[in-house]
PDB file of N, CA and C in Angstrom:
ATOM      1  N   MET A   1      95.449 116.775  51.899  1.00  0.00           N
ATOM      2  CA  MET A   1      96.642 115.957  51.905  1.00  0.00           C
ATOM      3  C   MET A   1      96.794 115.360  50.510  1.00  0.00           C
ATOM      4  N   THR A   2      98.014 115.299  50.066  1.00  0.00           N
ATOM      5  CA  THR A   2      98.289 114.776  48.732  1.00  0.00           C
ATOM      6  C   THR A   2      98.309 113.254  48.737  1.00  0.00           C
ATOM      7  N   ALA A   3      98.242 112.697  47.557  1.00  0.00           N
ATOM      8  CA  ALA A   3      98.300 111.240  47.418  1.00  0.00           C
ATOM      9  C   ALA A   3      99.627 110.711  47.945  1.00  0.00           C
ATOM     10  N   ALA A   4     100.706 111.434  47.704  1.00  0.00           N
ATOM     11  CA  ALA A   4     102.022 111.016  48.203  1.00  0.00           C
ATOM     12  C   ALA A   4     102.047 111.059  49.725  1.00  0.00           C
ATOM     13  N   GLY A   5     101.407 112.055  50.306  1.00  0.00           N
ATOM     14  CA  GLY A   5     101.322 112.164  51.763  1.00  0.00           C
ATOM     15  C   GLY A   5     100.540 111.010  52.361  1.00  0.00           C
ATOM     16  N   LEU A   6      99.431 110.642  51.700  1.00  0.00           N
ATOM     17  CA  LEU A   6      98.634 109.505  52.159  1.00  0.00           C
ATOM     18  C   LEU A   6      99.412 108.197  52.045  1.00  0.00           C
ATOM     19  N   ASP A   7     100.156 108.047  50.963  1.00  0.00           N
ATOM     20  CA  ASP A   7     100.977 106.845  50.796  1.00  0.00           C
ATOM     21  C   ASP A   7     102.024 106.757  51.906  1.00  0.00           C
ATOM     22  N   LEU A   8     102.655 107.875  52.210  1.00  0.00           N
ATOM     23  CA  LEU A   8     103.664 107.902  53.273  1.00  0.00           C
ATOM     24  C   LEU A   8     103.030 107.559  54.621  1.00  0.00           C
ATOM     25  N   LEU A   9     101.846 108.098  54.871  1.00  0.00           N
ATOM     26  CA  LEU A   9     101.133 107.808  56.109  1.00  0.00           C
ATOM     27  C   LEU A   9     100.795 106.320  56.200  1.00  0.00           C
ATOM     28  N   ARG A  10     100.307 105.727  55.123  1.00  0.00           N
ATOM     29  CA  ARG A  10      99.996 104.291  55.117  1.00  0.00           C
ATOM     30  C   ARG A  10     101.240 103.457  55.396  1.00  0.00           C
ATOM     31  N   GLU A  11     102.334 103.806  54.746  1.00  0.00           N
ATOM     32  CA  GLU A  11     103.585 103.068  54.956  1.00  0.00           C
ATOM     33  C   GLU A  11     104.064 103.212  56.399  1.00  0.00           C
ATOM     34  N   THR A  12     103.926 104.393  56.970  1.00  0.00           N
ATOM     35  CA  THR A  12     104.325 104.621  58.360  1.00  0.00           C
ATOM     36  C   THR A  12     103.500 103.754  59.305  1.00  0.00           C
ATOM     37  N   VAL A  13     102.201 103.690  59.058  1.00  0.00           N
ATOM     38  CA  VAL A  13     101.318 102.861  59.888  1.00  0.00           C
ATOM     39  C   VAL A  13     101.709 101.392  59.763  1.00  0.00           C
ATOM     40  N   LYS A  14     101.991 100.938  58.552  1.00  0.00           N
ATOM     41  CA  LYS A  14     102.399  99.544  58.338  1.00  0.00           C
ATOM     42  C   LYS A  14     103.694  99.237  59.068  1.00  0.00           C
ATOM     43  N   VAL A  15     104.677 100.134  58.957  1.00  0.00           N
ATOM     44  CA  VAL A  15     105.972  99.918  59.613  1.00  0.00           C
ATOM     45  C   VAL A  15     105.794  99.872  61.129  1.00  0.00           C
ATOM     46  N   ARG A  16     105.003 100.779  61.670  1.00  0.00           N
ATOM     47  CA  ARG A  16     104.768 100.773  63.123  1.00  0.00           C
ATOM     48  C   ARG A  16     104.098  99.475  63.563  1.00  0.00           C
ATOM     49  N   ALA A  17     103.133  99.018  62.804  1.00  0.00           N
ATOM     50  CA  ALA A  17     102.457  97.756  63.139  1.00  0.00           C
ATOM     51  C   ALA A  17     103.446  96.598  63.107  1.00  0.00           C
ATOM     52  N   LEU A  18     104.331  96.583  62.110  1.00  0.00           N
ATOM     53  CA  LEU A  18     105.341  95.528  62.030  1.00  0.00           C
ATOM     54  C   LEU A  18     106.315  95.608  63.206  1.00  0.00           C
ATOM     55  N   LEU A  19     106.688  96.820  63.599  1.00  0.00           N
ATOM     56  CA  LEU A  19     107.594  96.975  64.743  1.00  0.00           C
ATOM     57  C   LEU A  19     106.948  96.484  66.039  1.00  0.00           C
ATOM     58  N   VAL A  20     105.691  96.801  66.223  1.00  0.00           N
ATOM     59  CA  VAL A  20     104.978  96.341  67.422  1.00  0.00           C
ATOM     60  C   VAL A  20     104.871  94.827  67.416  1.00  0.00           C
ATOM     61  N   GLU A  21     104.502  94.252  66.285  1.00  0.00           N
ATOM     62  CA  GLU A  21     104.384  92.796  66.188  1.00  0.00           C
ATOM     63  C   GLU A  21     105.727  92.122  66.434  1.00  0.00           C
ATOM     64  N   SER A  22     106.783  92.677  65.878  1.00  0.00           N
ATOM     65  CA  SER A  22     108.116  92.120  66.086  1.00  0.00           C
ATOM     66  C   SER A  22     108.513  92.178  67.565  1.00  0.00           C
ATOM     67  N   ALA A  23     108.231  93.302  68.216  1.00  0.00           N
ATOM     68  CA  ALA A  23     108.552  93.450  69.638  1.00  0.00           C
ATOM     69  C   ALA A  23     107.743  92.462  70.466  1.00  0.00           C
ATOM     70  N   ARG A  24     106.489  92.256  70.104  1.00  0.00           N
ATOM     71  CA  ARG A  24     105.638  91.309  70.827  1.00  0.00           C
ATOM     72  C   ARG A  24     106.172  89.888  70.673  1.00  0.00           C
ATOM     73  N   GLU A  25     106.523  89.531  69.455  1.00  0.00           N
ATOM     74  CA  GLU A  25     107.017  88.174  69.189  1.00  0.00           C
ATOM     75  C   GLU A  25     108.354  87.912  69.872  1.00  0.00           C
ATOM     76  N   SER A  26     109.186  88.934  69.989  1.00  0.00           N
ATOM     77  CA  SER A  26     110.502  88.744  70.607  1.00  0.00           C
ATOM     78  C   SER A  26     110.444  88.805  72.130  1.00  0.00           C
ATOM     79  N   GLY A  27     109.264  89.088  72.670  1.00  0.00           N
ATOM     80  CA  GLY A  27     109.122  89.143  74.121  1.00  0.00           C
ATOM     81  C   GLY A  27     109.413  90.505  74.711  1.00  0.00           C
ATOM     82  N   GLU A  28     109.673  91.495  73.874  1.00  0.00           N
ATOM     83  CA  GLU A  28     109.910  92.849  74.379  1.00  0.00           C
ATOM     84  C   GLU A  28     108.623  93.484  74.880  1.00  0.00           C
ATOM     85  N   LEU A  29     107.502  93.082  74.333  1.00  0.00           N
ATOM     86  CA  LEU A  29     106.191  93.576  74.758  1.00  0.00           C
ATOM     87  C   LEU A  29     105.357  92.405  75.255  1.00  0.00           C
ATOM     88  N   VAL A  30     104.650  92.634  76.334  1.00  0.00           N
ATOM     89  CA  VAL A  30     103.721  91.621  76.830  1.00  0.00           C
ATOM     90  C   VAL A  30     102.343  92.267  76.915  1.00  0.00           C
ATOM     91  N   PRO A  31     101.306  91.486  76.775  1.00  0.00           N
ATOM     92  CA  PRO A  31      99.953  92.056  76.858  1.00  0.00           C
ATOM     93  C   PRO A  31      99.707  92.695  78.227  1.00  0.00           C
ATOM     94  N   ALA A  32      99.068  93.847  78.211  1.00  0.00           N
ATOM     95  CA  ALA A  32      98.773  94.567  79.457  1.00  0.00           C
ATOM     96  C   ALA A  32      97.971  93.696  80.416  1.00  0.00           C
ATOM     97  N   ALA A  33      97.080  92.872  79.899  1.00  0.00           N
ATOM     98  CA  ALA A  33      96.267  91.998  80.768  1.00  0.00           C
ATOM     99  C   ALA A  33      97.156  91.018  81.536  1.00  0.00           C
ATOM    100  N   ASP A  34      98.230  90.535  80.892  1.00  0.00           N
ATOM    101  CA  ASP A  34      99.147  89.620  81.582  1.00  0.00           C
ATOM    102  C   ASP A  34      99.883  90.336  82.708  1.00  0.00           C
ATOM    103  N   VAL A  35     100.321  91.553  82.434  1.00  0.00           N
ATOM    104  CA  VAL A  35     101.025  92.344  83.459  1.00  0.00           C
ATOM    105  C   VAL A  35     100.085  92.636  84.618  1.00  0.00           C
ATOM    106  N   GLU A  36      98.864  93.027  84.296  1.00  0.00           N
ATOM    107  CA  GLU A  36      97.884  93.324  85.349  1.00  0.00           C
ATOM    108  C   GLU A  36      97.581  92.082  86.182  1.00  0.00           C
ATOM    109  N   ASP A  37      97.477  90.927  85.537  1.00  0.00           N
ATOM    110  CA  ASP A  37      97.196  89.686  86.256  1.00  0.00           C
ATOM    111  C   ASP A  37      98.312  89.348  87.237  1.00  0.00           C
ATOM    112  N   VAL A  38      99.548  89.461  86.781  1.00  0.00           N
ATOM    113  CA  VAL A  38     100.689  89.154  87.658  1.00  0.00           C
ATOM    114  C   VAL A  38     100.731  90.127  88.834  1.00  0.00           C
ATOM    115  N   TRP A  39     100.539  91.414  88.566  1.00  0.00           N
ATOM    116  CA  TRP A  39     100.565  92.398  89.652  1.00  0.00           C
ATOM    117  C   TRP A  39      99.396  92.192  90.611  1.00  0.00           C
ATOM    118  N   THR A  40      98.246  91.849  90.087  1.00  0.00           N
ATOM    119  CA  THR A  40      97.087  91.618  90.952  1.00  0.00           C
ATOM    120  C   THR A  40      97.363  90.461  91.902  1.00  0.00           C
ATOM    121  N   ARG A  41      97.867  89.347  91.362  1.00  0.00           N
ATOM    122  CA  ARG A  41      98.163  88.190  92.217  1.00  0.00           C
ATOM    123  C   ARG A  41      99.264  88.516  93.224  1.00  0.00           C
ATOM    124  N   THR A  42     100.275  89.255  92.797  1.00  0.00           N
ATOM    125  CA  THR A  42     101.372  89.629  93.697  1.00  0.00           C
ATOM    126  C   THR A  42     100.864  90.498  94.833  1.00  0.00           C
ATOM    127  N   LEU A  43     100.044  91.492  94.511  1.00  0.00           N
ATOM    128  CA  LEU A  43      99.534  92.390  95.543  1.00  0.00           C
ATOM    129  C   LEU A  43      98.533  91.694  96.457  1.00  0.00           C
ATOM    130  N   GLN A  44      97.766  90.750  95.921  1.00  0.00           N
ATOM    131  CA  GLN A  44      96.854  89.979  96.772  1.00  0.00           C
ATOM    132  C   GLN A  44      97.649  89.155  97.785  1.00  0.00           C
ATOM    133  N   ALA A  45      98.720  88.529  97.330  1.00  0.00           N
ATOM    134  CA  ALA A  45      99.553  87.731  98.232  1.00  0.00           C
ATOM    135  C   ALA A  45     100.208  88.627  99.281  1.00  0.00           C
ATOM    136  N   LEU A  46     100.675  89.798  98.863  1.00  0.00           N
ATOM    137  CA  LEU A  46     101.282  90.741  99.807  1.00  0.00           C
ATOM    138  C   LEU A  46     100.269  91.180 100.851  1.00  0.00           C
ATOM    139  N   ARG A  47      99.074  91.523 100.400  1.00  0.00           N
ATOM    140  CA  ARG A  47      98.041  91.955 101.341  1.00  0.00           C
ATOM    141  C   ARG A  47      97.705  90.845 102.333  1.00  0.00           C
ATOM    142  N   ALA A  48      97.572  89.613 101.837  1.00  0.00           N
ATOM    143  CA  ALA A  48      97.253  88.491 102.719  1.00  0.00           C
ATOM    144  C   ALA A  48      98.334  88.327 103.785  1.00  0.00           C
ATOM    145  N   ARG A  49      99.588  88.438 103.369  1.00  0.00           N
ATOM    146  CA  ARG A  49     100.693  88.306 104.340  1.00  0.00           C
ATOM    147  C   ARG A  49     100.691  89.458 105.340  1.00  0.00           C
ATOM    148  N   LEU A  50     100.438  90.670 104.862  1.00  0.00           N
ATOM    149  CA  LEU A  50     100.391  91.820 105.765  1.00  0.00           C
ATOM    150  C   LEU A  50      99.277  91.673 106.793  1.00  0.00           C
ATOM    151  N   GLU A  51      98.146  91.155 106.359  1.00  0.00           N
ATOM    152  CA  GLU A  51      97.024  90.997 107.281  1.00  0.00           C
ATOM    153  C   GLU A  51      97.284  89.914 108.330  1.00  0.00           C
ATOM    154  N   GLN A  52      98.216  89.032 108.087  1.00  0.00           N
ATOM    155  CA  GLN A  52      98.560  87.992 109.053  1.00  0.00           C
ATOM    156  C   GLN A  52      99.601  88.479 110.071  1.00  0.00           C
ATOM    157  N   MET A  53     100.238  89.602 109.782  1.00  0.00           N
ATOM    158  CA  MET A  53     101.330  90.071 110.637  1.00  0.00           C
ATOM    159  C   MET A  53     100.944  90.291 112.095  1.00  0.00           C
ATOM    160  N   PRO A  54      99.838  90.962 112.413  1.00  0.00           N
ATOM    161  CA  PRO A  54      99.539  91.199 113.831  1.00  0.00           C
ATOM    162  C   PRO A  54      99.512  89.924 114.665  1.00  0.00           C
ATOM    163  N   ALA A  55      98.901  88.873 114.158  1.00  0.00           N
ATOM    164  CA  ALA A  55      98.840  87.614 114.917  1.00  0.00           C
ATOM    165  C   ALA A  55     100.227  87.021 115.089  1.00  0.00           C
ATOM    166  N   ARG A  56     101.018  87.033 114.005  1.00  0.00           N
ATOM    167  CA  ARG A  56     102.366  86.462 114.086  1.00  0.00           C
ATOM    168  C   ARG A  56     103.256  87.279 115.018  1.00  0.00           C
ATOM    169  N   VAL A  57     103.180  88.592 114.923  1.00  0.00           N
ATOM    170  CA  VAL A  57     104.028  89.445 115.767  1.00  0.00           C
ATOM    171  C   VAL A  57     103.639  89.302 117.228  1.00  0.00           C
ATOM    172  N   GLY A  58     102.346  89.228 117.503  1.00  0.00           N
ATOM    173  CA  GLY A  58     101.904  89.061 118.889  1.00  0.00           C
ATOM    174  C   GLY A  58     102.469  87.789 119.501  1.00  0.00           C
ATOM    175  N   LYS A  59     102.391  86.688 118.772  1.00  0.00           N
ATOM    176  CA  LYS A  59     102.919  85.413 119.277  1.00  0.00           C
ATOM    177  C   LYS A  59     104.439  85.454 119.404  1.00  0.00           C
ATOM    178  N   ARG A  60     105.117  86.044 118.429  1.00  0.00           N
ATOM    179  CA  ARG A  60     106.585  86.120 118.488  1.00  0.00           C
ATOM    180  C   ARG A  60     107.046  87.008 119.624  1.00  0.00           C
ATOM    181  N   ALA A  61     106.332  88.113 119.852  1.00  0.00           N
ATOM    182  CA  ALA A  61     106.712  89.021 120.936  1.00  0.00           C
ATOM    183  C   ALA A  61     106.607  88.313 122.276  1.00  0.00           C
ATOM    184  N   GLN A  62     105.593  87.505 122.415  1.00  0.00           N
ATOM    185  CA  GLN A  62     105.425  86.752 123.655  1.00  0.00           C
ATOM    186  C   GLN A  62     106.550  85.723 123.800  1.00  0.00           C
ATOM    187  N   ALA A  63     106.831  84.997 122.731  1.00  0.00           N
ATOM    188  CA  ALA A  63     107.827  83.930 122.794  1.00  0.00           C
ATOM    189  C   ALA A  63     109.258  84.466 122.863  1.00  0.00           C
ATOM    190  N   GLU A  64     109.587  85.432 122.029  1.00  0.00           N
ATOM    191  CA  GLU A  64     110.976  85.873 121.913  1.00  0.00           C
ATOM    192  C   GLU A  64     111.347  87.003 122.866  1.00  0.00           C
ATOM    193  N   LEU A  65     110.374  87.845 123.224  1.00  0.00           N
ATOM    194  CA  LEU A  65     110.683  88.997 124.070  1.00  0.00           C
ATOM    195  C   LEU A  65     110.176  88.825 125.495  1.00  0.00           C
ATOM    196  N   GLY A  66     109.472  87.727 125.730  1.00  0.00           N
ATOM    197  CA  GLY A  66     108.963  87.477 127.075  1.00  0.00           C
ATOM    198  C   GLY A  66     107.817  88.384 127.471  1.00  0.00           C
ATOM    199  N   ILE A  67     107.123  88.934 126.491  1.00  0.00           N
ATOM    200  CA  ILE A  67     105.974  89.781 126.800  1.00  0.00           C
ATOM    201  C   ILE A  67     104.896  88.902 127.419  1.00  0.00           C
ATOM    202  N   PRO A  68     104.314  89.321 128.510  1.00  0.00           N
ATOM    203  CA  PRO A  68     103.283  88.507 129.165  1.00  0.00           C
ATOM    204  C   PRO A  68     102.117  88.224 128.219  1.00  0.00           C
ATOM    205  N   ALA A  69     101.525  87.055 128.376  1.00  0.00           N
ATOM    206  CA  ALA A  69     100.411  86.638 127.526  1.00  0.00           C
ATOM    207  C   ALA A  69      99.265  87.646 127.571  1.00  0.00           C
ATOM    208  N   ARG A  70      99.082  88.293 128.717  1.00  0.00           N
ATOM    209  CA  ARG A  70      97.980  89.256 128.839  1.00  0.00           C
ATOM    210  C   ARG A  70      98.182  90.475 127.939  1.00  0.00           C
ATOM    211  N   LEU A  71      99.417  90.714 127.479  1.00  0.00           N
ATOM    212  CA  LEU A  71      99.693  91.866 126.615  1.00  0.00           C
ATOM    213  C   LEU A  71      99.653  91.510 125.124  1.00  0.00           C
ATOM    214  N   GLU A  72      99.553  90.223 124.838  1.00  0.00           N
ATOM    215  CA  GLU A  72      99.536  89.817 123.427  1.00  0.00           C
ATOM    216  C   GLU A  72      98.300  90.371 122.709  1.00  0.00           C
ATOM    217  N   ALA A  73      97.146  90.275 123.323  1.00  0.00           N
ATOM    218  CA  ALA A  73      95.913  90.756 122.683  1.00  0.00           C
ATOM    219  C   ALA A  73      95.952  92.271 122.435  1.00  0.00           C
ATOM    220  N   PRO A  74      96.356  93.095 123.419  1.00  0.00           N
ATOM    221  CA  PRO A  74      96.439  94.532 123.135  1.00  0.00           C
ATOM    222  C   PRO A  74      97.474  94.862 122.052  1.00  0.00           C
ATOM    223  N   LEU A  75      98.606  94.141 122.061  1.00  0.00           N
ATOM    224  CA  LEU A  75      99.618  94.362 121.027  1.00  0.00           C
ATOM    225  C   LEU A  75      99.059  94.013 119.657  1.00  0.00           C
ATOM    226  N   ARG A  76      98.383  92.897 119.577  1.00  0.00           N
ATOM    227  CA  ARG A  76      97.770  92.469 118.321  1.00  0.00           C
ATOM    228  C   ARG A  76      96.751  93.507 117.843  1.00  0.00           C
ATOM    229  N   ARG A  77      95.918  94.024 118.758  1.00  0.00           N
ATOM    230  CA  ARG A  77      94.907  95.023 118.406  1.00  0.00           C
ATOM    231  C   ARG A  77      95.556  96.291 117.856  1.00  0.00           C
ATOM    232  N   ILE A  78      96.624  96.747 118.505  1.00  0.00           N
ATOM    233  CA  ILE A  78      97.325  97.946 118.042  1.00  0.00           C
ATOM    234  C   ILE A  78      97.891  97.720 116.636  1.00  0.00           C
ATOM    235  N   LEU A  79      98.514  96.577 116.435  1.00  0.00           N
ATOM    236  CA  LEU A  79      99.070  96.274 115.113  1.00  0.00           C
ATOM    237  C   LEU A  79      97.972  96.179 114.064  1.00  0.00           C
ATOM    238  N   GLU A  80      96.844  95.561 114.413  1.00  0.00           N
ATOM    239  CA  GLU A  80      95.734  95.451 113.465  1.00  0.00           C
ATOM    240  C   GLU A  80      95.198  96.827 113.085  1.00  0.00           C
ATOM    241  N   GLU A  81      95.076  97.721 114.084  1.00  0.00           N
ATOM    242  CA  GLU A  81      94.579  99.073 113.811  1.00  0.00           C
ATOM    243  C   GLU A  81      95.542  99.844 112.908  1.00  0.00           C
ATOM    244  N   GLU A  82      96.831  99.742 113.198  1.00  0.00           N
ATOM    245  CA  GLU A  82      97.820 100.456 112.387  1.00  0.00           C
ATOM    246  C   GLU A  82      97.869  99.899 110.969  1.00  0.00           C
ATOM    247  N   LEU A  83      97.822  98.590 110.856  1.00  0.00           N
ATOM    248  CA  LEU A  83      97.839  97.972 109.535  1.00  0.00           C
ATOM    249  C   LEU A  83      96.588  98.351 108.751  1.00  0.00           C
ATOM    250  N   ALA A  84      95.445  98.353 109.412  1.00  0.00           N
ATOM    251  CA  ALA A  84      94.192  98.746 108.747  1.00  0.00           C
ATOM    252  C   ALA A  84      94.281 100.182 108.248  1.00  0.00           C
ATOM    253  N   ALA A  85      94.888 101.065 109.043  1.00  0.00           N
ATOM    254  CA  ALA A  85      95.045 102.461 108.623  1.00  0.00           C
ATOM    255  C   ALA A  85      95.956 102.571 107.403  1.00  0.00           C
ATOM    256  N   VAL A  86      97.039 101.803 107.404  1.00  0.00           N
ATOM    257  CA  VAL A  86      97.957 101.829 106.260  1.00  0.00           C
ATOM    258  C   VAL A  86      97.255 101.303 105.015  1.00  0.00           C
ATOM    259  N   LEU A  87      96.598 100.158 105.133  1.00  0.00           N
ATOM    260  CA  LEU A  87      95.907  99.590 103.974  1.00  0.00           C
ATOM    261  C   LEU A  87      94.807 100.524 103.481  1.00  0.00           C
ATOM    262  N   GLU A  88      94.089 101.152 104.386  1.00  0.00           N
ATOM    263  CA  GLU A  88      93.028 102.074 103.980  1.00  0.00           C
ATOM    264  C   GLU A  88      93.609 103.274 103.250  1.00  0.00           C
ATOM    265  N   SER A  89      94.758 103.756 103.702  1.00  0.00           N
ATOM    266  CA  SER A  89      95.355 104.910 103.021  1.00  0.00           C
ATOM    267  C   SER A  89      95.857 104.543 101.631  1.00  0.00           C
ATOM    268  N   VAL A  90      96.248 103.279 101.450  1.00  0.00           N
ATOM    269  CA  VAL A  90      96.725 102.829 100.142  1.00  0.00           C
ATOM    270  C   VAL A  90      95.559 102.367  99.282  1.00  0.00           C
ATOM    271  N   VAL A  91      94.629 101.637  99.873  1.00  0.00           N
ATOM    272  CA  VAL A  91      93.528 101.047  99.124  1.00  0.00           C
ATOM    273  C   VAL A  91      92.382 102.029  99.007  1.00  0.00           C
ATOM    274  N   GLY A  92      91.985 102.608 100.104  1.00  0.00           N
ATOM    275  CA  GLY A  92      90.886 103.543 100.240  1.00  0.00           C
ATOM    276  C   GLY A  92      90.090 103.880  99.005  1.00  0.00           C
ATOM    277  N   GLY A  93      89.375 102.926  98.476  1.00  0.00           N
ATOM    278  CA  GLY A  93      88.590 103.194  97.277  1.00  0.00           C
ATOM    279  C   GLY A  93      89.500 103.335  96.085  1.00  0.00           C
ATOM    280  N   THR A  94      89.522 104.517  95.503  1.00  0.00           N
ATOM    281  CA  THR A  94      90.384 104.749  94.355  1.00  0.00           C
ATOM    282  C   THR A  94      91.242 105.969  94.604  1.00  0.00           C
ATOM    283  N   VAL A  95      92.355 106.019  93.934  1.00  0.00           N
ATOM    284  CA  VAL A  95      93.255 107.160  94.017  1.00  0.00           C
ATOM    285  C   VAL A  95      93.332 107.751  92.622  1.00  0.00           C
ATOM    286  N   GLY A  96      92.873 108.987  92.469  1.00  0.00           N
ATOM    287  CA  GLY A  96      92.911 109.631  91.168  1.00  0.00           C
ATOM    288  C   GLY A  96      92.150 108.879  90.100  1.00  0.00           C
ATOM    289  N   GLY A  97      91.073 108.195  90.496  1.00  0.00           N
ATOM    290  CA  GLY A  97      90.271 107.470  89.529  1.00  0.00           C
ATOM    291  C   GLY A  97      90.794 106.080  89.224  1.00  0.00           C
ATOM    292  N   ALA A  98      91.961 105.719  89.764  1.00  0.00           N
ATOM    293  CA  ALA A  98      92.529 104.391  89.512  1.00  0.00           C
ATOM    294  C   ALA A  98      91.896 103.384  90.463  1.00  0.00           C
ATOM    295  N   ARG A  99      91.938 102.119  90.052  1.00  0.00           N
ATOM    296  CA  ARG A  99      91.418 101.065  90.927  1.00  0.00           C
ATOM    297  C   ARG A  99      92.319 100.916  92.146  1.00  0.00           C
ATOM    298  N   ALA A 100      91.794 100.260  93.161  1.00  0.00           N
ATOM    299  CA  ALA A 100      92.533 100.053  94.398  1.00  0.00           C
ATOM    300  C   ALA A 100      93.856  99.349  94.122  1.00  0.00           C
ATOM    301  N   LEU A 101      94.882  99.780  94.836  1.00  0.00           N
ATOM    302  CA  LEU A 101      96.209  99.193  94.661  1.00  0.00           C
ATOM    303  C   LEU A 101      96.243  97.757  95.150  1.00  0.00           C
ATOM    304  N   PHE A 102      95.640  97.494  96.298  1.00  0.00           N
ATOM    305  CA  PHE A 102      95.620  96.156  96.866  1.00  0.00           C
ATOM    306  C   PHE A 102      94.219  95.586  96.741  1.00  0.00           C
ATOM    307  N   PRO A 103      93.958  94.764  95.736  1.00  0.00           N
ATOM    308  CA  PRO A 103      92.628  94.158  95.620  1.00  0.00           C
ATOM    309  C   PRO A 103      92.382  93.181  96.763  1.00  0.00           C
ATOM    310  N   ALA A 104      91.139  92.837  96.963  1.00  0.00           N
ATOM    311  CA  ALA A 104      90.801  91.886  98.021  1.00  0.00           C
ATOM    312  C   ALA A 104      91.612  90.612  97.837  1.00  0.00           C
ATOM    313  N   PRO A 105      92.127  90.075  98.937  1.00  0.00           N
ATOM    314  CA  PRO A 105      92.990  88.900  98.823  1.00  0.00           C
ATOM    315  C   PRO A 105      92.263  87.656  98.346  1.00  0.00           C
ATOM    316  N   ASP A 106      92.993  86.862  97.617  1.00  0.00           N
ATOM    317  CA  ASP A 106      92.498  85.561  97.163  1.00  0.00           C
ATOM    318  C   ASP A 106      92.858  84.564  98.258  1.00  0.00           C
ATOM    319  N   PRO A 107      91.887  83.956  98.929  1.00  0.00           N
ATOM    320  CA  PRO A 107      92.179  83.051 100.047  1.00  0.00           C
ATOM    321  C   PRO A 107      93.130  81.921  99.679  1.00  0.00           C
ATOM    322  N   SER A 108      93.154  81.518  98.431  1.00  0.00           N
ATOM    323  CA  SER A 108      94.042  80.431  98.032  1.00  0.00           C
ATOM    324  C   SER A 108      95.507  80.831  98.061  1.00  0.00           C
ATOM    325  N   LEU A 109      95.786  82.157  98.105  1.00  0.00           N
ATOM    326  CA  LEU A 109      97.164  82.635  98.129  1.00  0.00           C
ATOM    327  C   LEU A 109      97.697  82.850  99.543  1.00  0.00           C
ATOM    328  N   ALA A 110      96.833  82.740 100.524  1.00  0.00           N
ATOM    329  CA  ALA A 110      97.243  83.000 101.898  1.00  0.00           C
ATOM    330  C   ALA A 110      98.231  81.938 102.380  1.00  0.00           C
ATOM    331  N   ALA A 111      99.255  82.416 103.067  1.00  0.00           N
ATOM    332  CA  ALA A 111     100.233  81.493 103.639  1.00  0.00           C
ATOM    333  C   ALA A 111      99.649  80.907 104.927  1.00  0.00           C
ATOM    334  N   PRO A 112      99.973  79.681 105.211  1.00  0.00           N
ATOM    335  CA  PRO A 112      99.460  79.074 106.449  1.00  0.00           C
ATOM    336  C   PRO A 112     100.024  79.776 107.667  1.00  0.00           C
ATOM    337  N   THR A 113      99.206  79.947 108.682  1.00  0.00           N
ATOM    338  CA  THR A 113      99.662  80.579 109.918  1.00  0.00           C
ATOM    339  C   THR A 113     100.381  79.545 110.766  1.00  0.00           C
ATOM    340  N   PRO A 114     101.449  79.991 111.428  1.00  0.00           N
ATOM    341  CA  PRO A 114     102.224  79.032 112.242  1.00  0.00           C
ATOM    342  C   PRO A 114     101.473  78.553 113.451  1.00  0.00           C
TER     343      PRO A 114
END
């Protein structure tokens, strides 16, 4: 490579670095760790809410649909099994080497049960 080629390469690297810094400062780019943190907290909250659904649906079905109390437990069990299957298919270890989509829930994010 010629000296002129090396100079052009150096200038290109400098310009790219300035463009990245400018984009970061203007808010066009955010650190990947910040994005991952927000998504992790969002998915933890979603998972916590999903895991509460069987209990809430069982109680609502009894109250709103008049389902006998004796059927609430079997309904809850069915919902828990189906939800567990869905979460396992999404979380199930890793997918293509990626980390689990729904990390273990943070108890502090759980919504209070009615």
